[in-house]
Amino acid sequence: QGRALKRVRNILKNPNVALIIDDYSEDWNELAYVLIQGSAHLVDALVDQGEEQRRAEALLREKYPQYEALLEPGCTVIRIAPSNVVSWGLTP
């Protein structure tokens, strides 16, 4: 079912992806972001007998308890292997 999603079909055609995480503020002096570029890989039951998928699913359920009711067992997870990371406005 996860492989029917448009974003998954796009990854199957072209695994080059970008992910941006921003911290928006009306005060532009407080804006910040992280941009991650890399190669996406589908992690599901079709890969490595589903072992990596089960680990990823368990981590998602642990971090986000609401996923217990939302995630279907065996759901497709997208893993990104970063090739470039850029940030702005962040302090260590």
N, C-alpha and C. Protein backbone atom coordinates (compact mmCIF):
# COMPACT_ATOMS: atom_id res chain seq x y z
N GLN A 1 0.82 -1.19 0.00
CA GLN A 1 0.00 0.00 0.00
C GLN A 1 0.87 1.26 0.00
N GLY A 2 1.95 1.28 0.78
CA GLY A 2 2.82 2.44 0.83
C GLY A 2 3.45 2.76 -0.51
N ARG A 3 3.69 1.73 -1.32
CA ARG A 3 4.31 1.94 -2.62
C ARG A 3 3.37 2.61 -3.62
N ALA A 4 2.10 2.75 -3.26
CA ALA A 4 1.15 3.43 -4.13
C ALA A 4 1.20 4.95 -3.94
N LEU A 5 1.81 5.42 -2.86
CA LEU A 5 1.89 6.85 -2.60
C LEU A 5 2.74 7.55 -3.65
N LYS A 6 2.34 8.75 -4.02
CA LYS A 6 3.05 9.52 -5.05
C LYS A 6 4.51 9.74 -4.66
N ARG A 7 4.78 10.08 -3.40
CA ARG A 7 6.17 10.34 -2.99
C ARG A 7 7.02 9.07 -3.12
N VAL A 8 6.42 7.92 -2.87
CA VAL A 8 7.15 6.66 -3.00
C VAL A 8 7.41 6.36 -4.48
N ARG A 9 6.42 6.58 -5.31
CA ARG A 9 6.61 6.36 -6.76
C ARG A 9 7.69 7.29 -7.30
N ASN A 10 7.71 8.53 -6.80
CA ASN A 10 8.75 9.48 -7.23
C ASN A 10 10.14 8.98 -6.83
N ILE A 11 10.27 8.44 -5.64
CA ILE A 11 11.56 7.91 -5.18
C ILE A 11 11.99 6.72 -6.02
N LEU A 12 11.05 5.88 -6.40
CA LEU A 12 11.38 4.74 -7.25
C LEU A 12 11.92 5.20 -8.61
N LYS A 13 11.42 6.33 -9.10
CA LYS A 13 11.88 6.87 -10.38
C LYS A 13 13.19 7.63 -10.23
N ASN A 14 13.32 8.37 -9.12
CA ASN A 14 14.50 9.21 -8.90
C ASN A 14 14.75 9.31 -7.39
N PRO A 15 15.76 8.63 -6.89
CA PRO A 15 15.99 8.60 -5.44
C PRO A 15 16.64 9.86 -4.86
N ASN A 16 16.98 10.83 -5.70
CA ASN A 16 17.58 12.07 -5.18
C ASN A 16 16.50 12.90 -4.49
N VAL A 17 16.73 13.22 -3.22
CA VAL A 17 15.72 13.93 -2.44
C VAL A 17 16.34 15.07 -1.65
N ALA A 18 15.46 15.96 -1.20
CA ALA A 18 15.85 17.03 -0.29
C ALA A 18 14.79 17.11 0.80
N LEU A 19 15.24 17.28 2.01
CA LEU A 19 14.35 17.42 3.17
C LEU A 19 14.75 18.70 3.89
N ILE A 20 13.77 19.56 4.13
CA ILE A 20 14.06 20.79 4.86
C ILE A 20 13.24 20.81 6.14
N ILE A 21 13.90 21.16 7.21
CA ILE A 21 13.24 21.29 8.51
C ILE A 21 13.49 22.72 8.94
N ASP A 22 12.40 23.46 9.14
CA ASP A 22 12.59 24.86 9.50
C ASP A 22 11.96 25.19 10.84
N ASP A 23 12.48 26.23 11.44
CA ASP A 23 11.94 26.77 12.68
C ASP A 23 11.49 28.18 12.35
N TYR A 24 10.20 28.32 12.03
CA TYR A 24 9.68 29.60 11.57
C TYR A 24 9.35 30.50 12.75
N SER A 25 9.55 31.78 12.51
CA SER A 25 9.20 32.79 13.51
C SER A 25 8.79 34.05 12.76
N GLU A 26 7.83 34.76 13.31
CA GLU A 26 7.47 36.06 12.74
C GLU A 26 8.65 37.02 12.83
N ASP A 27 9.49 36.82 13.84
CA ASP A 27 10.72 37.61 13.97
C ASP A 27 11.79 36.96 13.09
N TRP A 28 12.09 37.58 11.98
CA TRP A 28 13.01 36.98 11.01
C TRP A 28 14.42 36.80 11.56
N ASN A 29 14.75 37.44 12.66
CA ASN A 29 16.05 37.23 13.28
C ASN A 29 16.13 35.87 13.96
N GLU A 30 15.00 35.22 14.14
CA GLU A 30 14.95 33.92 14.81
C GLU A 30 14.74 32.76 13.84
N LEU A 31 14.68 33.04 12.54
CA LEU A 31 14.49 31.98 11.56
C LEU A 31 15.68 31.03 11.55
N ALA A 32 15.41 29.74 11.30
CA ALA A 32 16.48 28.75 11.22
C ALA A 32 16.00 27.58 10.36
N TYR A 33 16.96 26.88 9.75
CA TYR A 33 16.59 25.69 8.99
C TYR A 33 17.78 24.73 8.87
N VAL A 34 17.44 23.51 8.54
CA VAL A 34 18.41 22.49 8.17
C VAL A 34 17.91 21.91 6.85
N LEU A 35 18.78 21.85 5.86
CA LEU A 35 18.47 21.27 4.56
C LEU A 35 19.34 20.03 4.39
N ILE A 36 18.70 18.90 4.15
CA ILE A 36 19.40 17.63 3.96
C ILE A 36 19.14 17.16 2.54
N GLN A 37 20.20 16.96 1.78
CA GLN A 37 20.09 16.41 0.44
C GLN A 37 20.73 15.03 0.45
N GLY A 38 20.15 14.12 -0.32
CA GLY A 38 20.72 12.78 -0.34
C GLY A 38 19.94 11.83 -1.21
N SER A 39 20.14 10.58 -0.95
CA SER A 39 19.51 9.51 -1.71
C SER A 39 18.52 8.78 -0.81
N ALA A 40 17.30 8.63 -1.30
CA ALA A 40 16.25 7.97 -0.52
C ALA A 40 16.20 6.48 -0.85
N HIS A 41 15.92 5.71 0.17
CA HIS A 41 15.78 4.26 0.03
C HIS A 41 14.50 3.84 0.73
N LEU A 42 13.74 2.98 0.09
CA LEU A 42 12.52 2.48 0.70
C LEU A 42 12.87 1.33 1.63
N VAL A 43 12.30 1.38 2.81
CA VAL A 43 12.52 0.34 3.80
C VAL A 43 11.16 -0.30 4.06
N ASP A 44 11.00 -1.53 3.60
CA ASP A 44 9.73 -2.22 3.81
C ASP A 44 9.98 -3.72 3.86
N ALA A 45 8.93 -4.49 3.87
CA ALA A 45 9.05 -5.94 4.00
C ALA A 45 9.76 -6.57 2.80
N LEU A 46 9.87 -5.83 1.69
CA LEU A 46 10.53 -6.37 0.50
C LEU A 46 12.05 -6.28 0.61
N VAL A 47 12.54 -5.54 1.61
CA VAL A 47 13.98 -5.33 1.79
C VAL A 47 14.44 -6.07 3.04
N ASP A 48 15.51 -6.78 2.97
CA ASP A 48 16.15 -7.53 4.07
C ASP A 48 15.15 -8.25 4.98
N GLN A 49 14.19 -8.91 4.37
CA GLN A 49 13.15 -9.66 5.10
C GLN A 49 12.41 -8.79 6.12
N GLY A 50 12.45 -7.48 5.91
CA GLY A 50 11.68 -6.57 6.75
C GLY A 50 12.31 -6.23 8.08
N GLU A 51 13.54 -6.69 8.34
CA GLU A 51 14.16 -6.45 9.65
C GLU A 51 14.37 -4.95 9.91
N GLU A 52 14.93 -4.23 8.94
CA GLU A 52 15.15 -2.79 9.12
C GLU A 52 13.81 -2.06 9.23
N GLN A 53 12.83 -2.50 8.48
CA GLN A 53 11.50 -1.88 8.54
C GLN A 53 10.90 -2.05 9.92
N ARG A 54 11.01 -3.23 10.49
CA ARG A 54 10.45 -3.47 11.82
C ARG A 54 11.13 -2.59 12.87
N ARG A 55 12.45 -2.43 12.75
CA ARG A 55 13.18 -1.54 13.68
C ARG A 55 12.71 -0.10 13.52
N ALA A 56 12.58 0.36 12.28
CA ALA A 56 12.14 1.74 12.02
C ALA A 56 10.73 1.95 12.54
N GLU A 57 9.86 1.00 12.28
CA GLU A 57 8.47 1.11 12.74
C GLU A 57 8.41 1.15 14.27
N ALA A 58 9.20 0.33 14.93
CA ALA A 58 9.21 0.31 16.40
C ALA A 58 9.70 1.65 16.95
N LEU A 59 10.73 2.23 16.32
CA LEU A 59 11.24 3.53 16.77
C LEU A 59 10.19 4.62 16.57
N LEU A 60 9.48 4.59 15.45
CA LEU A 60 8.42 5.58 15.21
C LEU A 60 7.31 5.46 16.25
N ARG A 61 6.91 4.22 16.53
CA ARG A 61 5.84 4.01 17.52
C ARG A 61 6.29 4.44 18.92
N GLU A 62 7.57 4.23 19.23
CA GLU A 62 8.08 4.63 20.54
C GLU A 62 8.12 6.16 20.67
N LYS A 63 8.57 6.83 19.62
CA LYS A 63 8.68 8.29 19.67
C LYS A 63 7.32 8.97 19.57
N TYR A 64 6.42 8.41 18.76
CA TYR A 64 5.11 9.02 18.53
C TYR A 64 4.02 8.01 18.90
N PRO A 65 3.58 7.99 20.16
CA PRO A 65 2.59 7.00 20.61
C PRO A 65 1.30 7.01 19.78
N GLN A 66 0.94 8.17 19.20
CA GLN A 66 -0.28 8.23 18.40
C GLN A 66 -0.17 7.36 17.14
N TYR A 67 1.06 7.00 16.74
CA TYR A 67 1.23 6.14 15.56
C TYR A 67 0.73 4.72 15.82
N GLU A 68 0.59 4.35 17.07
CA GLU A 68 0.11 3.00 17.39
C GLU A 68 -1.18 2.71 16.64
N ALA A 69 -2.06 3.70 16.58
CA ALA A 69 -3.34 3.52 15.90
C ALA A 69 -3.27 3.87 14.42
N LEU A 70 -2.25 4.63 14.00
CA LEU A 70 -2.21 5.12 12.63
C LEU A 70 -1.35 4.28 11.69
N LEU A 71 -0.23 3.77 12.18
CA LEU A 71 0.68 3.01 11.32
C LEU A 71 0.16 1.61 11.10
N GLU A 72 0.11 1.22 9.84
CA GLU A 72 -0.23 -0.17 9.55
C GLU A 72 1.04 -1.00 9.69
N PRO A 73 0.94 -2.19 10.27
CA PRO A 73 2.12 -3.04 10.38
C PRO A 73 2.72 -3.28 8.99
N GLY A 74 4.03 -3.17 8.89
CA GLY A 74 4.69 -3.38 7.61
C GLY A 74 4.69 -2.16 6.71
N CYS A 75 4.36 -0.99 7.25
CA CYS A 75 4.30 0.23 6.44
C CYS A 75 5.67 0.53 5.83
N THR A 76 5.65 1.22 4.71
CA THR A 76 6.89 1.62 4.05
C THR A 76 7.47 2.83 4.76
N VAL A 77 8.77 2.78 5.04
CA VAL A 77 9.49 3.88 5.67
C VAL A 77 10.53 4.37 4.67
N ILE A 78 10.77 5.66 4.65
CA ILE A 78 11.76 6.23 3.74
C ILE A 78 13.01 6.58 4.55
N ARG A 79 14.14 6.02 4.13
CA ARG A 79 15.44 6.31 4.77
C ARG A 79 16.24 7.19 3.82
N ILE A 80 16.83 8.25 4.34
CA ILE A 80 17.64 9.15 3.52
C ILE A 80 19.10 8.99 3.92
N ALA A 81 19.95 8.72 2.93
CA ALA A 81 21.40 8.70 3.14
C ALA A 81 21.91 10.08 2.75
N PRO A 82 22.23 10.93 3.72
CA PRO A 82 22.62 12.31 3.42
C PRO A 82 23.92 12.38 2.61
N SER A 83 23.93 13.27 1.62
CA SER A 83 25.16 13.56 0.88
C SER A 83 25.60 15.00 1.13
N ASN A 84 24.66 15.84 1.59
CA ASN A 84 24.96 17.24 1.87
C ASN A 84 23.98 17.75 2.92
N VAL A 85 24.51 18.45 3.91
CA VAL A 85 23.67 19.04 4.96
C VAL A 85 24.08 20.51 5.11
N VAL A 86 23.08 21.38 5.06
CA VAL A 86 23.31 22.81 5.20
C VAL A 86 22.36 23.33 6.26
N SER A 87 22.85 24.23 7.11
CA SER A 87 21.96 24.83 8.11
C SER A 87 22.20 26.33 8.16
N TRP A 88 21.23 27.01 8.71
CA TRP A 88 21.33 28.45 8.86
C TRP A 88 20.55 28.86 10.09
N GLY A 89 21.12 29.75 10.87
CA GLY A 89 20.41 30.31 12.01
C GLY A 89 20.34 29.42 13.23
N LEU A 90 21.10 28.35 13.24
CA LEU A 90 21.08 27.43 14.39
C LEU A 90 22.31 27.66 15.25
N THR A 91 22.13 27.51 16.54
CA THR A 91 23.27 27.60 17.45
C THR A 91 23.46 26.23 18.08
N PRO A 92 24.72 25.79 18.20
CA PRO A 92 24.97 24.45 18.77
C PRO A 92 24.58 24.35 20.23
